Protein backbone atom coordinates (compact mmCIF):
# COMPACT_ATOMS: atom_id res chain seq x y z
CA UNK A 1 -32.10 151.79 -97.46
CA UNK A 2 -28.84 150.47 -98.86
CA UNK A 3 -25.93 150.18 -96.45
CA UNK A 4 -22.33 150.64 -97.51
CA UNK A 5 -20.19 147.55 -97.93
CA UNK A 6 -19.12 146.06 -94.60
CA UNK A 7 -15.52 147.04 -95.24
CA UNK A 8 -16.36 150.79 -95.51
CA UNK A 9 -15.47 152.98 -92.57
CA UNK A 10 -16.91 156.51 -92.37
CA UNK A 11 -15.03 158.95 -90.17
CA UNK A 12 -14.00 162.56 -89.93
CA UNK A 13 -10.75 163.28 -91.69
CA UNK A 14 -7.81 164.68 -89.75
CA UNK A 15 -4.70 166.54 -90.94
CA UNK A 16 -2.76 163.29 -91.37
CA UNK A 17 -5.32 162.34 -94.08
CA UNK A 18 -4.30 165.38 -96.16
CA UNK A 19 -2.39 163.50 -98.85
CA UNK A 20 -5.20 161.01 -99.51
CA UNK A 21 -7.84 163.76 -99.38
CA UNK A 22 -5.93 165.99 -101.78
CA UNK A 23 -5.42 163.12 -104.25
CA UNK A 24 -9.11 162.15 -104.20
CA UNK A 25 -10.28 165.76 -104.45
CA UNK A 26 -7.97 166.47 -107.39
CA UNK A 27 -9.24 163.32 -109.11
CA UNK A 28 -12.81 164.53 -108.60
CA UNK A 29 -11.98 168.01 -109.88
CA UNK A 30 -10.48 166.46 -113.03
CA UNK A 31 -13.20 163.87 -113.69
CA UNK A 32 -16.21 166.02 -112.78
CA UNK A 33 -15.34 169.72 -113.06
CA UNK A 34 -19.06 170.51 -113.36
CA UNK A 35 -19.64 169.25 -109.80
CA UNK A 36 -17.32 171.63 -107.94
CA UNK A 37 -17.07 175.35 -107.39
CA UNK A 38 -13.30 175.04 -107.48
CA UNK A 39 -11.15 173.66 -110.28
CA UNK A 40 -8.21 171.33 -110.73
CA UNK A 41 -6.13 174.25 -112.03
CA UNK A 42 -6.84 176.25 -108.86
CA UNK A 43 -5.99 173.46 -106.42
CA UNK A 44 -3.34 171.29 -108.12
CA UNK A 45 -0.41 173.24 -106.68
CA UNK A 46 -1.78 173.81 -103.20
CA UNK A 47 0.79 173.02 -100.53
CA UNK A 48 -0.12 170.08 -98.31
CA UNK A 49 -0.17 172.41 -95.29
CA UNK A 50 -3.13 174.28 -96.79
CA UNK A 51 -5.00 170.99 -97.21
CA UNK A 52 -4.13 170.01 -93.61
CA UNK A 53 -5.73 173.26 -92.40
CA UNK A 54 -8.97 172.27 -94.18
CA UNK A 55 -8.94 169.00 -92.28
CA UNK A 56 -8.41 170.52 -88.85
CA UNK A 57 -11.75 169.61 -87.33
CA UNK A 58 -13.88 172.14 -85.55
CA UNK A 59 -16.55 170.90 -83.18
CA UNK A 60 -19.29 171.95 -85.61
CA UNK A 61 -17.67 171.34 -89.01
CA UNK A 62 -15.29 169.02 -90.81
CA UNK A 63 -14.69 166.71 -93.72
CA UNK A 64 -15.98 163.14 -93.62
CA UNK A 65 -14.22 160.36 -95.46
CA UNK A 66 -15.29 156.90 -96.59
CA UNK A 67 -12.49 154.35 -96.39
CA UNK A 68 -12.67 150.99 -98.09
CA UNK A 69 -9.86 148.68 -96.98
CA UNK A 70 -8.04 151.78 -95.71
CA UNK A 71 -8.32 153.51 -99.14
CA UNK A 72 -10.18 156.84 -99.20
CA UNK A 73 -13.00 156.45 -101.75
CA UNK A 74 -15.43 159.24 -100.83
CA UNK A 75 -15.57 162.61 -99.11
CA UNK A 76 -18.12 165.19 -97.99
CA UNK A 77 -17.62 168.44 -96.11
CA UNK A 78 -19.89 170.04 -93.52
CA UNK A 79 -19.35 173.72 -92.92
CA UNK A 80 -21.04 176.31 -90.75
CA UNK A 81 -21.36 179.99 -91.41
CA UNK A 82 -19.10 181.86 -89.01
CA UNK A 83 -20.67 185.32 -88.99
CA UNK A 84 -23.01 185.77 -86.04
CA UNK A 85 -26.09 186.64 -88.09
CA UNK A 86 -25.66 183.49 -90.20
CA UNK A 87 -24.26 181.02 -87.65
CA UNK A 88 -27.55 179.10 -87.64
CA UNK A 89 -26.79 177.91 -91.20
CA UNK A 90 -24.72 174.86 -92.05
CA UNK A 91 -23.83 173.68 -95.53
CA UNK A 92 -22.65 170.55 -97.30
CA UNK A 93 -19.80 170.87 -99.79
CA UNK A 94 -17.37 168.87 -101.89
CA UNK A 95 -19.23 165.55 -102.17
CA UNK A 96 -17.30 163.05 -104.26
CA UNK A 97 -17.32 159.25 -104.45
CA UNK A 98 -14.88 157.44 -106.74
CA UNK A 99 -16.53 155.74 -109.70
CA UNK A 100 -15.44 152.25 -108.59
CA UNK A 101 -17.10 152.80 -105.20
CA UNK A 102 -20.44 154.14 -106.46
CA UNK A 103 -23.72 152.32 -106.06
CA UNK A 104 -22.97 150.87 -102.65
CA UNK A 105 -24.48 153.53 -100.38
CA UNK A 106 -21.25 155.39 -99.65
CA UNK A 107 -22.71 158.79 -100.56
CA UNK A 108 -25.69 158.07 -98.31
CA UNK A 109 -23.40 157.08 -95.43
CA UNK A 110 -21.38 160.30 -95.85
CA UNK A 111 -24.52 162.46 -95.81
CA UNK A 112 -25.79 160.50 -92.77
CA UNK A 113 -22.55 161.23 -90.89
CA UNK A 114 -22.51 164.92 -91.80
CA UNK A 115 -26.17 165.39 -90.82
CA UNK A 116 -25.63 163.55 -87.52
CA UNK A 117 -22.91 166.05 -86.63
CA UNK A 118 -25.06 168.96 -87.81
CA UNK A 119 -28.05 167.85 -85.74
CA UNK A 120 -25.87 167.66 -82.63
CA UNK A 121 -24.89 171.33 -82.86
CA UNK A 122 -26.71 173.86 -80.70
CA UNK A 123 -28.20 176.70 -82.69
CA UNK A 124 -27.82 175.09 -86.10
CA UNK A 125 -31.27 175.38 -87.71
CA UNK A 126 -30.82 174.25 -91.30
CA UNK A 127 -28.41 172.87 -93.89
CA UNK A 128 -28.03 174.13 -97.43
CA UNK A 129 -26.17 172.85 -100.46
CA UNK A 130 -25.69 173.59 -104.13
CA UNK A 131 -25.71 170.89 -106.76
CA UNK A 132 -25.37 170.88 -110.53
CA UNK A 133 -28.89 170.84 -111.97
CA UNK A 134 -27.94 167.94 -114.28
CA UNK A 135 -26.70 165.68 -111.44
CA UNK A 136 -29.90 163.69 -111.06
CA UNK A 137 -28.35 161.01 -108.82
CA UNK A 138 -27.08 163.56 -106.29
CA UNK A 139 -30.37 165.47 -106.33
CA UNK A 140 -32.28 162.23 -105.69
CA UNK A 141 -29.92 161.37 -102.82
CA UNK A 142 -30.39 164.76 -101.18
CA UNK A 143 -34.18 164.63 -101.66
CA UNK A 144 -34.23 161.22 -99.95
CA UNK A 145 -32.92 162.98 -96.82
CA UNK A 146 -35.66 165.61 -97.02
CA UNK A 147 -33.76 168.39 -98.79
CA UNK A 148 -36.02 170.56 -100.92
CA UNK A 149 -35.15 172.76 -103.86
CA UNK A 150 -35.31 176.45 -102.93
CA UNK A 151 -33.92 177.94 -106.11
CA UNK A 152 -32.17 177.46 -109.40
CA UNK A 153 -29.44 179.74 -110.65
CA UNK A 154 -29.05 179.66 -114.44
CA UNK A 155 -25.45 179.70 -115.70
CA UNK A 156 -24.22 179.62 -112.08
CA UNK A 157 -20.86 178.12 -112.98
CA UNK A 158 -18.55 178.25 -115.97
CA UNK A 159 -17.01 174.91 -116.94
CA UNK A 160 -14.64 175.21 -119.87
CA UNK A 161 -16.53 177.14 -122.53
CA UNK A 162 -19.96 176.22 -121.21
CA UNK A 163 -22.18 177.06 -118.28
CA UNK A 164 -24.09 174.95 -115.76
CA UNK A 165 -27.18 175.72 -113.71
CA UNK A 166 -27.05 175.11 -109.96
CA UNK A 167 -29.89 174.04 -107.72
CA UNK A 168 -29.87 175.28 -104.15
CA UNK A 169 -31.38 172.90 -101.60
CA UNK A 170 -32.45 173.30 -97.97
CA UNK A 171 -33.06 170.97 -95.03
CA UNK A 172 -34.42 172.17 -91.67
CA UNK A 173 -32.79 170.30 -88.80
CA UNK A 174 -33.97 172.21 -85.73
CA UNK A 175 -36.60 174.70 -84.62
CA UNK A 176 -34.59 176.02 -81.66
């Protein structure tokens, strides 16, 4: 298993990270619109206060960041369904690693951190995610953690004038 570079620090983001998070997320939305359910056009004018609210950590959810020499180079969100009948379900969202930081295990370290938090949560039974069916590297990463494909939605997302299929993946983390 590849470890991230020694100078990479993985930690949960906090509201004071909002500017760096927003910049990295907008870059990801521009460079890889097929990888996100949101779009650059939707988020480019969001006030910083809205982004800060996203980064207000809950005990069972939050956004993890990878910092290289104090520069945010990767992010991954862990959410949890809030409705009682679905509160046993967590989900990963918004994974993005800058191109110049790829290939050094940063994505793996982010998933590790998110799953560690998920596994520490009482009542959380499994984690789901959706990934573009053409993103072979991400699918391989998730499979290496034990995620399995549980469905494919054709034309799940419109990107420009085209459509992309999404794969839904599942990872059991508890039997309690």
